[in-house]
C-alpha atoms as a PDB file:
ATOM      1  CA  UNK A   1     -23.164 -10.723  -9.195  1.00  0.00           C
ATOM      2  CA  UNK A   2     -21.039 -13.719  -8.364  1.00  0.00           C
ATOM      3  CA  UNK A   3     -18.032 -11.328  -8.048  1.00  0.00           C
ATOM      4  CA  UNK A   4     -19.545  -9.626  -5.037  1.00  0.00           C
ATOM      5  CA  UNK A   5     -19.984 -12.957  -3.290  1.00  0.00           C
ATOM      6  CA  UNK A   6     -16.363 -14.065  -3.697  1.00  0.00           C
ATOM      7  CA  UNK A   7     -13.388 -12.853  -1.638  1.00  0.00           C
ATOM      8  CA  UNK A   8     -11.232 -10.281  -3.378  1.00  0.00           C
ATOM      9  CA  UNK A   9      -7.524  -9.485  -3.307  1.00  0.00           C
ATOM     10  CA  UNK A  10      -6.344  -6.070  -4.459  1.00  0.00           C
ATOM     11  CA  UNK A  11      -2.940  -5.622  -6.083  1.00  0.00           C
ATOM     12  CA  UNK A  12      -1.601  -2.061  -6.090  1.00  0.00           C
ATOM     13  CA  UNK A  13       1.571  -0.047  -6.434  1.00  0.00           C
ATOM     14  CA  UNK A  14       3.280   2.444  -8.639  1.00  0.00           C
ATOM     15  CA  UNK A  15       3.359   2.511 -12.394  1.00  0.00           C
ATOM     16  CA  UNK A  16       5.828  -0.077 -13.797  1.00  0.00           C
ATOM     17  CA  UNK A  17       6.337  -1.748 -10.403  1.00  0.00           C
ATOM     18  CA  UNK A  18       5.607  -5.187 -11.833  1.00  0.00           C
ATOM     19  CA  UNK A  19       2.055  -5.786 -10.664  1.00  0.00           C
ATOM     20  CA  UNK A  20       0.743  -7.479 -13.783  1.00  0.00           C
ATOM     21  CA  UNK A  21       3.985  -9.485 -14.293  1.00  0.00           C
ATOM     22  CA  UNK A  22       3.798 -10.710 -10.697  1.00  0.00           C
ATOM     23  CA  UNK A  23       0.156 -11.772 -11.189  1.00  0.00           C
ATOM     24  CA  UNK A  24       1.054 -13.587 -14.412  1.00  0.00           C
ATOM     25  CA  UNK A  25       3.783 -15.435 -12.562  1.00  0.00           C
ATOM     26  CA  UNK A  26       1.571 -16.321  -9.541  1.00  0.00           C
ATOM     27  CA  UNK A  27      -1.287 -17.626 -11.660  1.00  0.00           C
ATOM     28  CA  UNK A  28       0.753 -19.105 -14.517  1.00  0.00           C
ATOM     29  CA  UNK A  29      -0.997 -22.479 -14.123  1.00  0.00           C
ATOM     30  CA  UNK A  30      -4.253 -20.859 -15.139  1.00  0.00           C
ATOM     31  CA  UNK A  31      -2.733 -19.596 -18.446  1.00  0.00           C
ATOM     32  CA  UNK A  32      -3.413 -15.971 -17.758  1.00  0.00           C
ATOM     33  CA  UNK A  33      -2.079 -14.694 -21.067  1.00  0.00           C
ATOM     34  CA  UNK A  34      -4.237 -17.135 -23.057  1.00  0.00           C
ATOM     35  CA  UNK A  35      -7.266 -16.106 -21.091  1.00  0.00           C
ATOM     36  CA  UNK A  36      -6.482 -12.420 -21.435  1.00  0.00           C
ATOM     37  CA  UNK A  37      -5.709 -11.854 -17.796  1.00  0.00           C
ATOM     38  CA  UNK A  38      -3.036  -9.566 -16.374  1.00  0.00           C
ATOM     39  CA  UNK A  39      -1.740  -8.255 -19.656  1.00  0.00           C
ATOM     40  CA  UNK A  40       1.521  -6.333 -19.631  1.00  0.00           C
ATOM     41  CA  UNK A  41       1.745  -3.252 -21.824  1.00  0.00           C
ATOM     42  CA  UNK A  42       4.870  -2.271 -23.758  1.00  0.00           C
ATOM     43  CA  UNK A  43       4.722   1.178 -22.144  1.00  0.00           C
ATOM     44  CA  UNK A  44       4.180   1.686 -18.451  1.00  0.00           C
ATOM     45  CA  UNK A  45       0.960   3.218 -17.180  1.00  0.00           C
ATOM     46  CA  UNK A  46      -1.416   1.525 -19.595  1.00  0.00           C
ATOM     47  CA  UNK A  47      -3.688  -0.161 -17.026  1.00  0.00           C
ATOM     48  CA  UNK A  48      -6.740   2.107 -16.885  1.00  0.00           C
ATOM     49  CA  UNK A  49      -9.248   1.655 -14.107  1.00  0.00           C
ATOM     50  CA  UNK A  50      -9.498  -1.351 -11.796  1.00  0.00           C
ATOM     51  CA  UNK A  51      -9.551  -4.637 -13.698  1.00  0.00           C
ATOM     52  CA  UNK A  52     -11.153  -7.543 -11.718  1.00  0.00           C
ATOM     53  CA  UNK A  53     -10.529 -11.124 -12.655  1.00  0.00           C
ATOM     54  CA  UNK A  54     -12.294 -14.168 -11.353  1.00  0.00           C
ATOM     55  CA  UNK A  55      -9.984 -17.133 -10.774  1.00  0.00           C
ATOM     56  CA  UNK A  56     -11.325 -20.711 -10.487  1.00  0.00           C
ATOM     57  CA  UNK A  57     -14.648 -19.280  -9.366  1.00  0.00           C
ATOM     58  CA  UNK A  58     -13.226 -19.156  -5.874  1.00  0.00           C
ATOM     59  CA  UNK A  59     -11.861 -15.584  -5.550  1.00  0.00           C
ATOM     60  CA  UNK A  60     -11.301 -12.423  -7.507  1.00  0.00           C
ATOM     61  CA  UNK A  61      -8.132 -10.406  -8.087  1.00  0.00           C
ATOM     62  CA  UNK A  62      -8.301  -6.596  -8.629  1.00  0.00           C
ATOM     63  CA  UNK A  63      -5.371  -5.376 -10.742  1.00  0.00           C
ATOM     64  CA  UNK A  64      -5.320  -1.682  -9.910  1.00  0.00           C
ATOM     65  CA  UNK A  65      -3.722   0.949 -12.128  1.00  0.00           C
ATOM     66  CA  UNK A  66      -0.326   2.165 -11.074  1.00  0.00           C
ATOM     67  CA  UNK A  67       0.135   5.601  -9.740  1.00  0.00           C
ATOM     68  CA  UNK A  68       3.008   8.093  -9.786  1.00  0.00           C
ATOM     69  CA  UNK A  69       6.225   8.042 -11.896  1.00  0.00           C
ATOM     70  CA  UNK A  70       7.513  11.403 -13.005  1.00  0.00           C
ATOM     71  CA  UNK A  71       8.021  11.480 -16.801  1.00  0.00           C
ATOM     72  CA  UNK A  72      10.198  13.794 -18.876  1.00  0.00           C
ATOM     73  CA  UNK A  73       7.729  16.668 -18.449  1.00  0.00           C
ATOM     74  CA  UNK A  74       6.360  15.784 -14.977  1.00  0.00           C
ATOM     75  CA  UNK A  75       8.212  16.604 -11.819  1.00  0.00           C
ATOM     76  CA  UNK A  76       7.474  15.167  -8.376  1.00  0.00           C
ATOM     77  CA  UNK A  77       5.065  17.878  -7.504  1.00  0.00           C
ATOM     78  CA  UNK A  78       3.050  17.187 -10.683  1.00  0.00           C
ATOM     79  CA  UNK A  79       2.925  13.480  -9.803  1.00  0.00           C
ATOM     80  CA  UNK A  80       1.679  14.291  -6.309  1.00  0.00           C
ATOM     81  CA  UNK A  81      -1.011  16.577  -7.630  1.00  0.00           C
ATOM     82  CA  UNK A  82      -2.110  13.877 -10.011  1.00  0.00           C
ATOM     83  CA  UNK A  83      -2.185  11.371  -7.136  1.00  0.00           C
ATOM     84  CA  UNK A  84      -4.308  13.657  -4.899  1.00  0.00           C
ATOM     85  CA  UNK A  85      -6.558  14.710  -7.766  1.00  0.00           C
ATOM     86  CA  UNK A  86      -7.163  11.366  -9.456  1.00  0.00           C
ATOM     87  CA  UNK A  87      -5.819   8.090  -8.033  1.00  0.00           C
ATOM     88  CA  UNK A  88      -6.282   8.757  -4.312  1.00  0.00           C
ATOM     89  CA  UNK A  89     -10.073   9.071  -4.931  1.00  0.00           C
ATOM     90  CA  UNK A  90     -10.216   6.014  -7.131  1.00  0.00           C
ATOM     91  CA  UNK A  91      -8.548   3.899  -4.406  1.00  0.00           C
ATOM     92  CA  UNK A  92     -10.622   5.419  -1.615  1.00  0.00           C
ATOM     93  CA  UNK A  93     -13.902   4.765  -3.509  1.00  0.00           C
ATOM     94  CA  UNK A  94     -12.785   1.189  -4.207  1.00  0.00           C
ATOM     95  CA  UNK A  95     -12.054   0.645  -0.493  1.00  0.00           C
ATOM     96  CA  UNK A  96     -15.372   2.170   0.561  1.00  0.00           C
ATOM     97  CA  UNK A  97     -17.468   0.121  -1.833  1.00  0.00           C
ATOM     98  CA  UNK A  98     -15.721  -3.274  -1.892  1.00  0.00           C
ATOM     99  CA  UNK A  99     -16.926  -4.972   1.314  1.00  0.00           C
ATOM    100  CA  UNK A 100     -15.734  -8.360   0.030  1.00  0.00           C
ATOM    101  CA  UNK A 101     -12.091  -7.214  -0.131  1.00  0.00           C
ATOM    102  CA  UNK A 102     -10.085  -9.557   2.118  1.00  0.00           C
ATOM    103  CA  UNK A 103      -6.425  -8.811   1.453  1.00  0.00           C
ATOM    104  CA  UNK A 104      -4.077  -6.541  -0.530  1.00  0.00           C
ATOM    105  CA  UNK A 105      -0.674  -6.981  -2.151  1.00  0.00           C
ATOM    106  CA  UNK A 106       1.487  -3.877  -2.390  1.00  0.00           C
ATOM    107  CA  UNK A 107       4.058  -4.249  -5.200  1.00  0.00           C
ATOM    108  CA  UNK A 108       7.168  -2.080  -5.011  1.00  0.00           C
ATOM    109  CA  UNK A 109      10.128  -1.884  -7.497  1.00  0.00           C
ATOM    110  CA  UNK A 110      13.101  -2.323  -5.161  1.00  0.00           C
ATOM    111  CA  UNK A 111      15.167   0.233  -7.152  1.00  0.00           C
ATOM    112  CA  UNK A 112      12.715   3.080  -6.378  1.00  0.00           C
ATOM    113  CA  UNK A 113      12.682   5.186  -3.251  1.00  0.00           C
ATOM    114  CA  UNK A 114       9.535   5.219  -1.157  1.00  0.00           C
ATOM    115  CA  UNK A 115       7.480   8.356  -1.630  1.00  0.00           C
ATOM    116  CA  UNK A 116       4.638   9.870   0.314  1.00  0.00           C
ATOM    117  CA  UNK A 117       2.087   8.568  -2.198  1.00  0.00           C
ATOM    118  CA  UNK A 118       3.264   4.978  -1.386  1.00  0.00           C
ATOM    119  CA  UNK A 119       2.914   5.555   2.376  1.00  0.00           C
ATOM    120  CA  UNK A 120      -0.439   7.249   2.021  1.00  0.00           C
ATOM    121  CA  UNK A 121      -1.823   4.380  -0.061  1.00  0.00           C
ATOM    122  CA  UNK A 122      -0.667   1.779   2.463  1.00  0.00           C
ATOM    123  CA  UNK A 123      -2.248   3.838   5.292  1.00  0.00           C
ATOM    124  CA  UNK A 124      -5.565   3.873   3.319  1.00  0.00           C
ATOM    125  CA  UNK A 125      -5.630   0.048   3.245  1.00  0.00           C
ATOM    126  CA  UNK A 126      -4.498  -0.322   6.848  1.00  0.00           C
ATOM    127  CA  UNK A 127      -7.126   2.118   8.033  1.00  0.00           C
ATOM    128  CA  UNK A 128      -9.718  -0.265   6.559  1.00  0.00           C
ATOM    129  CA  UNK A 129      -8.152  -3.156   8.433  1.00  0.00           C
ATOM    130  CA  UNK A 130      -7.151  -4.919   5.240  1.00  0.00           C
ATOM    131  CA  UNK A 131      -4.256  -7.415   5.701  1.00  0.00           C
ATOM    132  CA  UNK A 132      -1.384  -6.559   3.405  1.00  0.00           C
ATOM    133  CA  UNK A 133       1.539  -8.423   1.840  1.00  0.00           C
ATOM    134  CA  UNK A 134       4.536  -6.416   0.663  1.00  0.00           C
ATOM    135  CA  UNK A 135       6.107  -7.728  -2.539  1.00  0.00           C
ATOM    136  CA  UNK A 136       9.458  -6.308  -3.743  1.00  0.00           C
ATOM    137  CA  UNK A 137      10.032  -6.774  -7.440  1.00  0.00           C
ATOM    138  CA  UNK A 138      13.040  -6.361  -9.733  1.00  0.00           C
ATOM    139  CA  UNK A 139      15.336  -7.374  -6.859  1.00  0.00           C
ATOM    140  CA  UNK A 140      17.965  -8.255  -9.341  1.00  0.00           C
ATOM    141  CA  UNK A 141      18.683  -4.510  -9.667  1.00  0.00           C
ATOM    142  CA  UNK A 142      19.740  -3.593  -6.060  1.00  0.00           C
ATOM    143  CA  UNK A 143      19.469  -6.001  -3.149  1.00  0.00           C
ATOM    144  CA  UNK A 144      20.911  -3.496  -0.671  1.00  0.00           C
ATOM    145  CA  UNK A 145      17.700  -1.471  -1.002  1.00  0.00           C
ATOM    146  CA  UNK A 146      15.483  -4.167   0.570  1.00  0.00           C
ATOM    147  CA  UNK A 147      16.057  -3.433   4.263  1.00  0.00           C
ATOM    148  CA  UNK A 148      15.883   0.285   3.723  1.00  0.00           C
ATOM    149  CA  UNK A 149      12.506  -0.008   1.852  1.00  0.00           C
ATOM    150  CA  UNK A 150      11.046  -2.270   4.439  1.00  0.00           C
ATOM    151  CA  UNK A 151      11.833   0.254   7.186  1.00  0.00           C
ATOM    152  CA  UNK A 152      10.555   3.140   5.149  1.00  0.00           C
ATOM    153  CA  UNK A 153       7.200   1.386   4.507  1.00  0.00           C
ATOM    154  CA  UNK A 154       6.805   0.557   8.153  1.00  0.00           C
ATOM    155  CA  UNK A 155       7.463  -3.183   7.945  1.00  0.00           C
END
């Protein structure tokens, strides 16, 4: 298909990190909401599977589902098990089968600590030689975290 001939950019990060909101902002001139692109759910964790959008017939953007986030009945161990049992394989399969992937954007909520799942995901992209841009969102919450997060993520 045409999508396999166009360069692709993957956007990934934890649940509720602001991936879809960032994409809406970046591509606001293309009216993403009107075109049904990068929808933001009322409740976090609603993006299911990898959603790929073609923009201006020049490149594609893969909006990946978020991973992690302990809920009221999920502790950190349960989140890690879900990561290793489900999302890690989805991301690895995507990396192994998407030869037209040219770059990745890692989105991180600045108010959240970096966890092993974050580091492992970044390592997966780096191992494939994919250039990566770190984007910190929700920086209005806690600006003192920025330097600490950058160090923790190896930047």
